[in-house]
Amino acid sequence: MDLSGLNPSEQAAMHKLIEKKQMQDFMKVYSGLVDRCFSACVNDFTSKTLMSKEVTCVQNCADKFFKHSERVGTRFAEHNAETMNQSPGR
């Protein structure tokens, strides 16, 4: 995003707004991960602590989520690079 057309105070405000939006997006993803893994893995509420199978399930759930996110990010970068190489004027 090119903010060069804005004065310094407008640029600072825009950066702050972007950071706020990024934090909101991160929290939404994080909350979704917690909700998804908790719902899938935690079934026994008779104890305060997680049982070993629940811990393993949560770890596997989170690992799968992060691997998926990494793969999506890689594919997005590949697609973006292809798009940039196909742009007119290159």
C-alpha atoms as a PDB file:
ATOM      1  CA  MET A   1       0.000   0.000   0.000  1.00  0.00           C
ATOM      2  CA  ASP A   2       1.464   3.300  -1.094  1.00  0.00           C
ATOM      3  CA  LEU A   3       0.986   5.947   1.564  1.00  0.00           C
ATOM      4  CA  SER A   4       3.382   8.458   0.009  1.00  0.00           C
ATOM      5  CA  GLY A   5       0.505  10.750  -0.978  1.00  0.00           C
ATOM      6  CA  LEU A   6      -0.390  11.283   2.673  1.00  0.00           C
ATOM      7  CA  ASN A   7       1.197  13.706   5.092  1.00  0.00           C
ATOM      8  CA  PRO A   8       3.182  12.228   8.033  1.00  0.00           C
ATOM      9  CA  SER A   9       0.314  12.423  10.527  1.00  0.00           C
ATOM     10  CA  GLU A  10      -2.055  10.759   8.047  1.00  0.00           C
ATOM     11  CA  GLN A  11       0.562   8.062   7.380  1.00  0.00           C
ATOM     12  CA  ALA A  12       0.935   7.435  11.121  1.00  0.00           C
ATOM     13  CA  ALA A  13      -2.840   7.197  11.525  1.00  0.00           C
ATOM     14  CA  MET A  14      -3.064   4.814   8.582  1.00  0.00           C
ATOM     15  CA  HIS A  15      -0.259   2.623   9.978  1.00  0.00           C
ATOM     16  CA  LYS A  16      -2.061   2.514  13.324  1.00  0.00           C
ATOM     17  CA  LEU A  17      -5.307   1.533  11.600  1.00  0.00           C
ATOM     18  CA  ILE A  18      -3.528  -1.194   9.616  1.00  0.00           C
ATOM     19  CA  GLU A  19      -1.871  -2.569  12.771  1.00  0.00           C
ATOM     20  CA  LYS A  20      -5.236  -2.598  14.557  1.00  0.00           C
ATOM     21  CA  LYS A  21      -6.841  -4.476  11.655  1.00  0.00           C
ATOM     22  CA  GLN A  22      -3.975  -6.983  11.561  1.00  0.00           C
ATOM     23  CA  MET A  23      -4.346  -7.618  15.297  1.00  0.00           C
ATOM     24  CA  GLN A  24      -8.103  -8.100  14.912  1.00  0.00           C
ATOM     25  CA  ASP A  25      -7.517 -10.547  12.058  1.00  0.00           C
ATOM     26  CA  PHE A  26      -4.907 -12.437  14.085  1.00  0.00           C
ATOM     27  CA  MET A  27      -7.221 -12.684  17.089  1.00  0.00           C
ATOM     28  CA  LYS A  28     -10.050 -13.921  14.877  1.00  0.00           C
ATOM     29  CA  VAL A  29      -7.830 -16.671  13.421  1.00  0.00           C
ATOM     30  CA  TYR A  30      -6.438 -17.579  16.850  1.00  0.00           C
ATOM     31  CA  SER A  31      -9.912 -17.714  18.403  1.00  0.00           C
ATOM     32  CA  GLY A  32     -11.122 -19.874  15.537  1.00  0.00           C
ATOM     33  CA  LEU A  33      -8.217 -22.272  16.040  1.00  0.00           C
ATOM     34  CA  VAL A  34      -8.849 -22.515  19.778  1.00  0.00           C
ATOM     35  CA  ASP A  35     -12.568 -23.065  19.243  1.00  0.00           C
ATOM     36  CA  ARG A  36     -12.042 -25.669  16.516  1.00  0.00           C
ATOM     37  CA  CYS A  37      -9.419 -27.669  18.415  1.00  0.00           C
ATOM     38  CA  PHE A  38     -11.236 -27.431  21.734  1.00  0.00           C
ATOM     39  CA  SER A  39     -14.505 -28.601  20.200  1.00  0.00           C
ATOM     40  CA  ALA A  40     -12.808 -31.468  18.381  1.00  0.00           C
ATOM     41  CA  CYS A  41     -10.550 -32.646  21.207  1.00  0.00           C
ATOM     42  CA  VAL A  42     -11.984 -31.880  24.638  1.00  0.00           C
ATOM     43  CA  ASN A  43     -14.814 -34.206  25.615  1.00  0.00           C
ATOM     44  CA  ASP A  44     -14.338 -34.907  29.311  1.00  0.00           C
ATOM     45  CA  PHE A  45     -15.152 -32.133  31.760  1.00  0.00           C
ATOM     46  CA  THR A  46     -14.721 -34.167  34.944  1.00  0.00           C
ATOM     47  CA  SER A  47     -11.218 -32.777  35.520  1.00  0.00           C
ATOM     48  CA  LYS A  48      -9.552 -29.354  35.352  1.00  0.00           C
ATOM     49  CA  THR A  49      -6.595 -30.764  33.446  1.00  0.00           C
ATOM     50  CA  LEU A  50      -6.560 -32.211  29.969  1.00  0.00           C
ATOM     51  CA  MET A  51      -6.169 -35.943  29.590  1.00  0.00           C
ATOM     52  CA  SER A  52      -3.149 -37.108  27.589  1.00  0.00           C
ATOM     53  CA  LYS A  53      -5.287 -38.059  24.572  1.00  0.00           C
ATOM     54  CA  GLU A  54      -6.823 -34.570  24.631  1.00  0.00           C
ATOM     55  CA  VAL A  55      -3.392 -32.946  24.762  1.00  0.00           C
ATOM     56  CA  THR A  56      -2.237 -35.061  21.824  1.00  0.00           C
ATOM     57  CA  CYS A  57      -5.401 -34.214  19.892  1.00  0.00           C
ATOM     58  CA  VAL A  58      -4.984 -30.466  20.511  1.00  0.00           C
ATOM     59  CA  GLN A  59      -1.316 -30.623  19.456  1.00  0.00           C
ATOM     60  CA  ASN A  60      -2.212 -32.502  16.274  1.00  0.00           C
ATOM     61  CA  CYS A  61      -5.075 -30.109  15.554  1.00  0.00           C
ATOM     62  CA  ALA A  62      -2.839 -27.054  15.963  1.00  0.00           C
ATOM     63  CA  ASP A  63      -0.021 -28.644  13.934  1.00  0.00           C
ATOM     64  CA  LYS A  64      -2.432 -29.429  11.106  1.00  0.00           C
ATOM     65  CA  PHE A  65      -3.780 -25.874  11.202  1.00  0.00           C
ATOM     66  CA  PHE A  66      -0.281 -24.350  11.023  1.00  0.00           C
ATOM     67  CA  LYS A  67       0.801 -26.685   8.209  1.00  0.00           C
ATOM     68  CA  HIS A  68      -2.353 -25.792   6.313  1.00  0.00           C
ATOM     69  CA  SER A  69      -1.770 -22.077   6.877  1.00  0.00           C
ATOM     70  CA  GLU A  70       1.836 -22.420   5.705  1.00  0.00           C
ATOM     71  CA  ARG A  71       0.732 -24.254   2.570  1.00  0.00           C
ATOM     72  CA  VAL A  72      -1.938 -21.665   1.799  1.00  0.00           C
ATOM     73  CA  GLY A  73       0.620 -18.886   2.287  1.00  0.00           C
ATOM     74  CA  THR A  74       3.068 -20.631  -0.046  1.00  0.00           C
ATOM     75  CA  ARG A  75       0.402 -21.115  -2.721  1.00  0.00           C
ATOM     76  CA  PHE A  76      -0.689 -17.502  -2.349  1.00  0.00           C
ATOM     77  CA  ALA A  77       2.916 -16.326  -2.826  1.00  0.00           C
ATOM     78  CA  GLU A  78       3.305 -18.586  -5.879  1.00  0.00           C
ATOM     79  CA  HIS A  79       0.058 -17.286  -7.359  1.00  0.00           C
ATOM     80  CA  ASN A  80       1.055 -13.688  -6.626  1.00  0.00           C
ATOM     81  CA  ALA A  81       4.448 -14.222  -8.314  1.00  0.00           C
ATOM     82  CA  GLU A  82       2.750 -15.737 -11.368  1.00  0.00           C
ATOM     83  CA  THR A  83       0.335 -12.819 -11.525  1.00  0.00           C
ATOM     84  CA  MET A  84       3.174 -10.308 -11.277  1.00  0.00           C
ATOM     85  CA  ASN A  85       5.078 -12.077 -14.065  1.00  0.00           C
ATOM     86  CA  GLN A  86       2.008 -11.983 -16.307  1.00  0.00           C
ATOM     87  CA  SER A  87       1.346  -8.269 -15.751  1.00  0.00           C
ATOM     88  CA  PRO A  88       1.425  -6.102 -18.885  1.00  0.00           C
ATOM     89  CA  GLY A  89       4.615  -4.139 -19.310  1.00  0.00           C
ATOM     90  CA  ARG A  90       6.933  -6.928 -18.081  1.00  0.00           C
END
